[in-house]
Amino acid sequence: MKYEVLVEVRLHDDIADPAGATVERALPALGFAGVEGVRVGKAVRFKVEAPGPEDALLRAEEVANRLLANPVIESAGVRLLGLLEAPS
């Protein structure tokens, strides 16, 4: 079975986020007052083949933690978005 996965990689809370700070400073000039705490990260979507949702999630977490995120400064949130292809 194939599952769609979303991985969201973000900096740990104690790591400075200059991109987030830049966005936050620009918001009032664009008419978005009252927005604070902006953090910038990255989102990665992919498909994974696995016998079931638990296995798909484990495989996706391994990809996220070994390849997509730097565990020293980042964390990765992994979600299964759904079943794409069931066996015939």
PDB file of N, CA and C in Angstrom:
ATOM      1  N   MET A   1       0.847  -1.178   0.000  1.00  0.00           N
ATOM      2  CA  MET A   1       0.000   0.000   0.000  1.00  0.00           C
ATOM      3  C   MET A   1       0.889   1.238   0.000  1.00  0.00           C
ATOM      4  N   LYS A   2       0.423   2.286  -0.655  1.00  0.00           N
ATOM      5  CA  LYS A   2       1.164   3.543  -0.696  1.00  0.00           C
ATOM      6  C   LYS A   2       0.443   4.589   0.140  1.00  0.00           C
ATOM      7  N   TYR A   3       1.225   5.322   0.918  1.00  0.00           N
ATOM      8  CA  TYR A   3       0.712   6.366   1.783  1.00  0.00           C
ATOM      9  C   TYR A   3       1.388   7.683   1.442  1.00  0.00           C
ATOM     10  N   GLU A   4       0.615   8.769   1.544  1.00  0.00           N
ATOM     11  CA  GLU A   4       1.195  10.098   1.395  1.00  0.00           C
ATOM     12  C   GLU A   4       1.611  10.598   2.772  1.00  0.00           C
ATOM     13  N   VAL A   5       2.792  11.191   2.825  1.00  0.00           N
ATOM     14  CA  VAL A   5       3.389  11.629   4.088  1.00  0.00           C
ATOM     15  C   VAL A   5       3.715  13.117   4.005  1.00  0.00           C
ATOM     16  N   LEU A   6       3.535  13.808   5.115  1.00  0.00           N
ATOM     17  CA  LEU A   6       3.969  15.197   5.246  1.00  0.00           C
ATOM     18  C   LEU A   6       4.943  15.275   6.410  1.00  0.00           C
ATOM     19  N   VAL A   7       6.126  15.803   6.136  1.00  0.00           N
ATOM     20  CA  VAL A   7       7.128  16.030   7.178  1.00  0.00           C
ATOM     21  C   VAL A   7       7.319  17.536   7.303  1.00  0.00           C
ATOM     22  N   GLU A   8       7.174  18.045   8.511  1.00  0.00           N
ATOM     23  CA  GLU A   8       7.424  19.456   8.785  1.00  0.00           C
ATOM     24  C   GLU A   8       8.670  19.558   9.652  1.00  0.00           C
ATOM     25  N   VAL A   9       9.688  20.211   9.103  1.00  0.00           N
ATOM     26  CA  VAL A   9      10.960  20.379   9.804  1.00  0.00           C
ATOM     27  C   VAL A   9      11.024  21.808  10.309  1.00  0.00           C
ATOM     28  N   ARG A  10      11.320  21.952  11.582  1.00  0.00           N
ATOM     29  CA  ARG A  10      11.408  23.287  12.169  1.00  0.00           C
ATOM     30  C   ARG A  10      12.558  23.346  13.166  1.00  0.00           C
ATOM     31  N   LEU A  11      13.052  24.570  13.352  1.00  0.00           N
ATOM     32  CA  LEU A  11      14.136  24.774  14.305  1.00  0.00           C
ATOM     33  C   LEU A  11      13.632  24.545  15.727  1.00  0.00           C
ATOM     34  N   HIS A  12      14.514  24.050  16.586  1.00  0.00           N
ATOM     35  CA  HIS A  12      14.162  23.955  18.003  1.00  0.00           C
ATOM     36  C   HIS A  12      13.855  25.362  18.526  1.00  0.00           C
ATOM     37  N   ASP A  13      13.031  25.435  19.540  1.00  0.00           N
ATOM     38  CA  ASP A  13      12.604  26.729  20.081  1.00  0.00           C
ATOM     39  C   ASP A  13      13.775  27.595  20.553  1.00  0.00           C
ATOM     40  N   ASP A  14      14.858  26.981  21.026  1.00  0.00           N
ATOM     41  CA  ASP A  14      15.980  27.753  21.552  1.00  0.00           C
ATOM     42  C   ASP A  14      17.000  28.136  20.480  1.00  0.00           C
ATOM     43  N   ILE A  15      16.715  27.852  19.215  1.00  0.00           N
ATOM     44  CA  ILE A  15      17.600  28.213  18.107  1.00  0.00           C
ATOM     45  C   ILE A  15      17.052  29.467  17.433  1.00  0.00           C
ATOM     46  N   ALA A  16      17.928  30.457  17.210  1.00  0.00           N
ATOM     47  CA  ALA A  16      17.510  31.694  16.548  1.00  0.00           C
ATOM     48  C   ALA A  16      16.997  31.387  15.149  1.00  0.00           C
ATOM     49  N   ASP A  17      15.973  32.121  14.729  1.00  0.00           N
ATOM     50  CA  ASP A  17      15.369  31.937  13.418  1.00  0.00           C
ATOM     51  C   ASP A  17      15.377  33.287  12.677  1.00  0.00           C
ATOM     52  N   PRO A  18      16.491  33.614  12.004  1.00  0.00           N
ATOM     53  CA  PRO A  18      16.560  34.906  11.331  1.00  0.00           C
ATOM     54  C   PRO A  18      15.524  35.068  10.220  1.00  0.00           C
ATOM     55  N   ALA A  19      15.181  34.005   9.514  1.00  0.00           N
ATOM     56  CA  ALA A  19      14.159  34.102   8.465  1.00  0.00           C
ATOM     57  C   ALA A  19      12.802  34.429   9.078  1.00  0.00           C
ATOM     58  N   GLY A  20      12.479  33.791  10.184  1.00  0.00           N
ATOM     59  CA  GLY A  20      11.227  34.081  10.872  1.00  0.00           C
ATOM     60  C   GLY A  20      11.189  35.518  11.376  1.00  0.00           C
ATOM     61  N   ALA A  21      12.315  35.987  11.911  1.00  0.00           N
ATOM     62  CA  ALA A  21      12.381  37.363  12.413  1.00  0.00           C
ATOM     63  C   ALA A  21      12.195  38.361  11.276  1.00  0.00           C
ATOM     64  N   THR A  22      12.758  38.087  10.111  1.00  0.00           N
ATOM     65  CA  THR A  22      12.612  38.967   8.956  1.00  0.00           C
ATOM     66  C   THR A  22      11.153  39.037   8.515  1.00  0.00           C
ATOM     67  N   VAL A  23      10.497  37.904   8.446  1.00  0.00           N
ATOM     68  CA  VAL A  23       9.079  37.870   8.072  1.00  0.00           C
ATOM     69  C   VAL A  23       8.254  38.646   9.100  1.00  0.00           C
ATOM     70  N   GLU A  24       8.534  38.409  10.371  1.00  0.00           N
ATOM     71  CA  GLU A  24       7.773  39.081  11.432  1.00  0.00           C
ATOM     72  C   GLU A  24       7.921  40.597  11.365  1.00  0.00           C
ATOM     73  N   ARG A  25       9.145  41.072  11.080  1.00  0.00           N
ATOM     74  CA  ARG A  25       9.352  42.524  10.976  1.00  0.00           C
ATOM     75  C   ARG A  25       8.633  43.115   9.766  1.00  0.00           C
ATOM     76  N   ALA A  26       8.457  42.347   8.703  1.00  0.00           N
ATOM     77  CA  ALA A  26       7.826  42.852   7.487  1.00  0.00           C
ATOM     78  C   ALA A  26       6.300  42.883   7.577  1.00  0.00           C
ATOM     79  N   LEU A  27       5.719  42.080   8.423  1.00  0.00           N
ATOM     80  CA  LEU A  27       4.259  41.949   8.469  1.00  0.00           C
ATOM     81  C   LEU A  27       3.500  43.243   8.741  1.00  0.00           C
ATOM     82  N   PRO A  28       3.900  44.064   9.726  1.00  0.00           N
ATOM     83  CA  PRO A  28       3.136  45.303   9.966  1.00  0.00           C
ATOM     84  C   PRO A  28       3.091  46.226   8.749  1.00  0.00           C
ATOM     85  N   ALA A  29       4.178  46.295   7.981  1.00  0.00           N
ATOM     86  CA  ALA A  29       4.202  47.157   6.799  1.00  0.00           C
ATOM     87  C   ALA A  29       3.232  46.658   5.723  1.00  0.00           C
ATOM     88  N   LEU A  30       2.879  45.405   5.793  1.00  0.00           N
ATOM     89  CA  LEU A  30       1.938  44.825   4.836  1.00  0.00           C
ATOM     90  C   LEU A  30       0.508  44.785   5.367  1.00  0.00           C
ATOM     91  N   GLY A  31       0.303  45.398   6.547  1.00  0.00           N
ATOM     92  CA  GLY A  31      -1.037  45.479   7.105  1.00  0.00           C
ATOM     93  C   GLY A  31      -1.420  44.319   8.010  1.00  0.00           C
ATOM     94  N   PHE A  32      -0.460  43.533   8.434  1.00  0.00           N
ATOM     95  CA  PHE A  32      -0.738  42.392   9.311  1.00  0.00           C
ATOM     96  C   PHE A  32      -0.231  42.676  10.722  1.00  0.00           C
ATOM     97  N   ALA A  33      -0.961  43.512  11.436  1.00  0.00           N
ATOM     98  CA  ALA A  33      -0.584  43.847  12.807  1.00  0.00           C
ATOM     99  C   ALA A  33      -0.974  42.702  13.737  1.00  0.00           C
ATOM    100  N   GLY A  34      -0.262  42.589  14.833  1.00  0.00           N
ATOM    101  CA  GLY A  34      -0.618  41.615  15.864  1.00  0.00           C
ATOM    102  C   GLY A  34      -0.144  40.196  15.593  1.00  0.00           C
ATOM    103  N   VAL A  35       0.718  40.003  14.604  1.00  0.00           N
ATOM    104  CA  VAL A  35       1.255  38.675  14.329  1.00  0.00           C
ATOM    105  C   VAL A  35       2.633  38.598  14.976  1.00  0.00           C
ATOM    106  N   GLU A  36       2.856  37.570  15.755  1.00  0.00           N
ATOM    107  CA  GLU A  36       4.155  37.434  16.433  1.00  0.00           C
ATOM    108  C   GLU A  36       4.547  35.965  16.539  1.00  0.00           C
ATOM    109  N   GLY A  37       5.791  35.746  16.899  1.00  0.00           N
ATOM    110  CA  GLY A  37       6.281  34.384  17.085  1.00  0.00           C
ATOM    111  C   GLY A  37       6.460  33.624  15.780  1.00  0.00           C
ATOM    112  N   VAL A  38       6.791  34.339  14.702  1.00  0.00           N
ATOM    113  CA  VAL A  38       6.924  33.692  13.391  1.00  0.00           C
ATOM    114  C   VAL A  38       8.178  32.816  13.366  1.00  0.00           C
ATOM    115  N   ARG A  39       8.004  31.599  12.933  1.00  0.00           N
ATOM    116  CA  ARG A  39       9.111  30.652  12.757  1.00  0.00           C
ATOM    117  C   ARG A  39       8.996  30.090  11.344  1.00  0.00           C
ATOM    118  N   VAL A  40      10.106  29.993  10.659  1.00  0.00           N
ATOM    119  CA  VAL A  40      10.126  29.482   9.290  1.00  0.00           C
ATOM    120  C   VAL A  40      10.758  28.101   9.301  1.00  0.00           C
ATOM    121  N   GLY A  41      10.146  27.187   8.589  1.00  0.00           N
ATOM    122  CA  GLY A  41      10.677  25.837   8.481  1.00  0.00           C
ATOM    123  C   GLY A  41      10.518  25.349   7.060  1.00  0.00           C
ATOM    124  N   LYS A  42      10.458  24.045   6.909  1.00  0.00           N
ATOM    125  CA  LYS A  42      10.238  23.487   5.576  1.00  0.00           C
ATOM    126  C   LYS A  42       9.282  22.313   5.686  1.00  0.00           C
ATOM    127  N   ALA A  43       8.540  22.121   4.605  1.00  0.00           N
ATOM    128  CA  ALA A  43       7.607  21.004   4.522  1.00  0.00           C
ATOM    129  C   ALA A  43       8.039  20.115   3.360  1.00  0.00           C
ATOM    130  N   VAL A  44       8.028  18.814   3.595  1.00  0.00           N
ATOM    131  CA  VAL A  44       8.410  17.851   2.576  1.00  0.00           C
ATOM    132  C   VAL A  44       7.296  16.820   2.481  1.00  0.00           C
ATOM    133  N   ARG A  45       6.805  16.586   1.268  1.00  0.00           N
ATOM    134  CA  ARG A  45       5.780  15.560   1.028  1.00  0.00           C
ATOM    135  C   ARG A  45       6.399  14.454   0.187  1.00  0.00           C
ATOM    136  N   PHE A  46       6.034  13.236   0.510  1.00  0.00           N
ATOM    137  CA  PHE A  46       6.472  12.110  -0.306  1.00  0.00           C
ATOM    138  C   PHE A  46       5.528  10.937  -0.110  1.00  0.00           C
ATOM    139  N   LYS A  47       5.716   9.931  -0.931  1.00  0.00           N
ATOM    140  CA  LYS A  47       4.916   8.712  -0.849  1.00  0.00           C
ATOM    141  C   LYS A  47       5.812   7.598  -0.323  1.00  0.00           C
ATOM    142  N   VAL A  48       5.227   6.747   0.481  1.00  0.00           N
ATOM    143  CA  VAL A  48       5.976   5.621   1.028  1.00  0.00           C
ATOM    144  C   VAL A  48       5.130   4.364   0.872  1.00  0.00           C
ATOM    145  N   GLU A  49       5.798   3.301   0.502  1.00  0.00           N
ATOM    146  CA  GLU A  49       5.107   2.025   0.373  1.00  0.00           C
ATOM    147  C   GLU A  49       5.380   1.205   1.630  1.00  0.00           C
ATOM    148  N   ALA A  50       4.313   0.680   2.207  1.00  0.00           N
ATOM    149  CA  ALA A  50       4.427  -0.105   3.437  1.00  0.00           C
ATOM    150  C   ALA A  50       3.194  -0.989   3.564  1.00  0.00           C
ATOM    151  N   PRO A  51       3.300  -2.075   4.346  1.00  0.00           N
ATOM    152  CA  PRO A  51       2.159  -2.977   4.492  1.00  0.00           C
ATOM    153  C   PRO A  51       0.985  -2.389   5.270  1.00  0.00           C
ATOM    154  N   GLY A  52       1.234  -1.384   6.086  1.00  0.00           N
ATOM    155  CA  GLY A  52       0.155  -0.790   6.873  1.00  0.00           C
ATOM    156  C   GLY A  52       0.553   0.591   7.354  1.00  0.00           C
ATOM    157  N   PRO A  53      -0.376   1.330   7.953  1.00  0.00           N
ATOM    158  CA  PRO A  53      -0.095   2.705   8.364  1.00  0.00           C
ATOM    159  C   PRO A  53       0.995   2.826   9.433  1.00  0.00           C
ATOM    160  N   GLU A  54       1.061   1.875  10.352  1.00  0.00           N
ATOM    161  CA  GLU A  54       2.088   1.945  11.392  1.00  0.00           C
ATOM    162  C   GLU A  54       3.474   1.822  10.779  1.00  0.00           C
ATOM    163  N   ASP A  55       3.633   0.881   9.847  1.00  0.00           N
ATOM    164  CA  ASP A  55       4.917   0.699   9.172  1.00  0.00           C
ATOM    165  C   ASP A  55       5.260   1.917   8.309  1.00  0.00           C
ATOM    166  N   ALA A  56       4.259   2.484   7.660  1.00  0.00           N
ATOM    167  CA  ALA A  56       4.490   3.668   6.835  1.00  0.00           C
ATOM    168  C   ALA A  56       4.980   4.824   7.697  1.00  0.00           C
ATOM    169  N   LEU A  57       4.368   5.019   8.854  1.00  0.00           N
ATOM    170  CA  LEU A  57       4.764   6.090   9.753  1.00  0.00           C
ATOM    171  C   LEU A  57       6.188   5.871  10.268  1.00  0.00           C
ATOM    172  N   LEU A  58       6.514   4.641  10.637  1.00  0.00           N
ATOM    173  CA  LEU A  58       7.866   4.346  11.109  1.00  0.00           C
ATOM    174  C   LEU A  58       8.904   4.616  10.030  1.00  0.00           C
ATOM    175  N   ARG A  59       8.622   4.195   8.805  1.00  0.00           N
ATOM    176  CA  ARG A  59       9.548   4.420   7.698  1.00  0.00           C
ATOM    177  C   ARG A  59       9.706   5.923   7.443  1.00  0.00           C
ATOM    178  N   ALA A  60       8.603   6.657   7.447  1.00  0.00           N
ATOM    179  CA  ALA A  60       8.653   8.099   7.213  1.00  0.00           C
ATOM    180  C   ALA A  60       9.428   8.809   8.320  1.00  0.00           C
ATOM    181  N   GLU A  61       9.245   8.393   9.553  1.00  0.00           N
ATOM    182  CA  GLU A  61       9.994   8.988  10.667  1.00  0.00           C
ATOM    183  C   GLU A  61      11.487   8.735  10.516  1.00  0.00           C
ATOM    184  N   GLU A  62      11.853   7.549  10.045  1.00  0.00           N
ATOM    185  CA  GLU A  62      13.266   7.238   9.835  1.00  0.00           C
ATOM    186  C   GLU A  62      13.854   8.138   8.749  1.00  0.00           C
ATOM    187  N   VAL A  63      13.124   8.326   7.652  1.00  0.00           N
ATOM    188  CA  VAL A  63      13.577   9.229   6.591  1.00  0.00           C
ATOM    189  C   VAL A  63      13.745  10.643   7.146  1.00  0.00           C
ATOM    190  N   ALA A  64      12.754  11.098   7.886  1.00  0.00           N
ATOM    191  CA  ALA A  64      12.791  12.458   8.435  1.00  0.00           C
ATOM    192  C   ALA A  64      13.970  12.650   9.375  1.00  0.00           C
ATOM    193  N   ASN A  65      14.176  11.708  10.263  1.00  0.00           N
ATOM    194  CA  ASN A  65      15.219  11.867  11.280  1.00  0.00           C
ATOM    195  C   ASN A  65      16.628  11.605  10.757  1.00  0.00           C
ATOM    196  N   ARG A  66      16.755  10.763   9.741  1.00  0.00           N
ATOM    197  CA  ARG A  66      18.083  10.456   9.214  1.00  0.00           C
ATOM    198  C   ARG A  66      18.502  11.359   8.067  1.00  0.00           C
ATOM    199  N   LEU A  67      17.535  11.944   7.355  1.00  0.00           N
ATOM    200  CA  LEU A  67      17.886  12.695   6.154  1.00  0.00           C
ATOM    201  C   LEU A  67      17.362  14.129   6.143  1.00  0.00           C
ATOM    202  N   LEU A  68      16.135  14.342   6.534  1.00  0.00           N
ATOM    203  CA  LEU A  68      15.498  15.640   6.328  1.00  0.00           C
ATOM    204  C   LEU A  68      15.768  16.661   7.422  1.00  0.00           C
ATOM    205  N   ALA A  69      16.007  16.219   8.638  1.00  0.00           N
ATOM    206  CA  ALA A  69      16.212  17.144   9.754  1.00  0.00           C
ATOM    207  C   ALA A  69      17.592  16.953  10.366  1.00  0.00           C
ATOM    208  N   ASN A  70      18.179  18.045  10.793  1.00  0.00           N
ATOM    209  CA  ASN A  70      19.430  18.011  11.550  1.00  0.00           C
ATOM    210  C   ASN A  70      19.034  17.986  13.021  1.00  0.00           C
ATOM    211  N   PRO A  71      19.166  16.834  13.696  1.00  0.00           N
ATOM    212  CA  PRO A  71      18.645  16.708  15.063  1.00  0.00           C
ATOM    213  C   PRO A  71      19.303  17.634  16.084  1.00  0.00           C
ATOM    214  N   VAL A  72      20.438  18.206  15.744  1.00  0.00           N
ATOM    215  CA  VAL A  72      21.107  19.128  16.663  1.00  0.00           C
ATOM    216  C   VAL A  72      20.311  20.433  16.784  1.00  0.00           C
ATOM    217  N   ILE A  73      19.720  20.885  15.673  1.00  0.00           N
ATOM    218  CA  ILE A  73      19.035  22.181  15.692  1.00  0.00           C
ATOM    219  C   ILE A  73      17.580  22.114  15.238  1.00  0.00           C
ATOM    220  N   GLU A  74      17.135  20.965  14.718  1.00  0.00           N
ATOM    221  CA  GLU A  74      15.797  20.871  14.160  1.00  0.00           C
ATOM    222  C   GLU A  74      15.035  19.674  14.716  1.00  0.00           C
ATOM    223  N   SER A  75      13.711  19.767  14.617  1.00  0.00           N
ATOM    224  CA  SER A  75      12.858  18.625  14.907  1.00  0.00           C
ATOM    225  C   SER A  75      11.948  18.405  13.709  1.00  0.00           C
ATOM    226  N   ALA A  76      11.491  17.178  13.570  1.00  0.00           N
ATOM    227  CA  ALA A  76      10.636  16.838  12.435  1.00  0.00           C
ATOM    228  C   ALA A  76       9.323  16.271  12.945  1.00  0.00           C
ATOM    229  N   GLY A  77       8.237  16.828  12.462  1.00  0.00           N
ATOM    230  CA  GLY A  77       6.907  16.296  12.737  1.00  0.00           C
ATOM    231  C   GLY A  77       6.448  15.514  11.517  1.00  0.00           C
ATOM    232  N   VAL A  78       6.019  14.290  11.719  1.00  0.00           N
ATOM    233  CA  VAL A  78       5.652  13.415  10.603  1.00  0.00           C
ATOM    234  C   VAL A  78       4.176  13.059  10.720  1.00  0.00           C
ATOM    235  N   ARG A  79       3.445  13.204   9.590  1.00  0.00           N
ATOM    236  CA  ARG A  79       2.026  12.836   9.551  1.00  0.00           C
ATOM    237  C   ARG A  79       1.744  12.030   8.304  1.00  0.00           C
ATOM    238  N   LEU A  80       0.916  11.035   8.458  1.00  0.00           N
ATOM    239  CA  LEU A  80       0.374  10.335   7.298  1.00  0.00           C
ATOM    240  C   LEU A  80      -0.838  11.127   6.842  1.00  0.00           C
ATOM    241  N   LEU A  81      -0.879  11.475   5.553  1.00  0.00           N
ATOM    242  CA  LEU A  81      -1.998  12.237   5.020  1.00  0.00           C
ATOM    243  C   LEU A  81      -3.095  11.337   4.490  1.00  0.00           C
ATOM    244  N   GLY A  82      -2.712  10.118   4.159  1.00  0.00           N
ATOM    245  CA  GLY A  82      -3.750   9.208   3.699  1.00  0.00           C
ATOM    246  C   GLY A  82      -3.204   8.074   2.860  1.00  0.00           C
ATOM    247  N   LEU A  83      -4.070   7.134   2.617  1.00  0.00           N
ATOM    248  CA  LEU A  83      -3.773   5.973   1.782  1.00  0.00           C
ATOM    249  C   LEU A  83      -3.969   6.390   0.333  1.00  0.00           C
ATOM    250  N   LEU A  84      -2.948   6.188  -0.483  1.00  0.00           N
ATOM    251  CA  LEU A  84      -3.033   6.554  -1.894  1.00  0.00           C
ATOM    252  C   LEU A  84      -3.440   5.393  -2.780  1.00  0.00           C
ATOM    253  N   GLU A  85      -2.916   4.234  -2.445  1.00  0.00           N
ATOM    254  CA  GLU A  85      -3.109   3.090  -3.323  1.00  0.00           C
ATOM    255  C   GLU A  85      -3.198   1.818  -2.495  1.00  0.00           C
ATOM    256  N   ALA A  86      -4.322   1.176  -2.551  1.00  0.00           N
ATOM    257  CA  ALA A  86      -4.520  -0.084  -1.818  1.00  0.00           C
ATOM    258  C   ALA A  86      -4.225  -1.233  -2.783  1.00  0.00           C
ATOM    259  N   PRO A  87      -3.873  -2.402  -2.257  1.00  0.00           N
ATOM    260  CA  PRO A  87      -3.636  -3.542  -3.121  1.00  0.00           C
ATOM    261  C   PRO A  87      -4.918  -3.962  -3.840  1.00  0.00           C
ATOM    262  N   SER A  88      -4.765  -4.474  -5.059  1.00  0.00           N
ATOM    263  CA  SER A  88      -5.923  -4.891  -5.859  1.00  0.00           C
ATOM    264  C   SER A  88      -6.439  -6.236  -5.411  1.00  0.00           C
TER     265      SER A  88
END
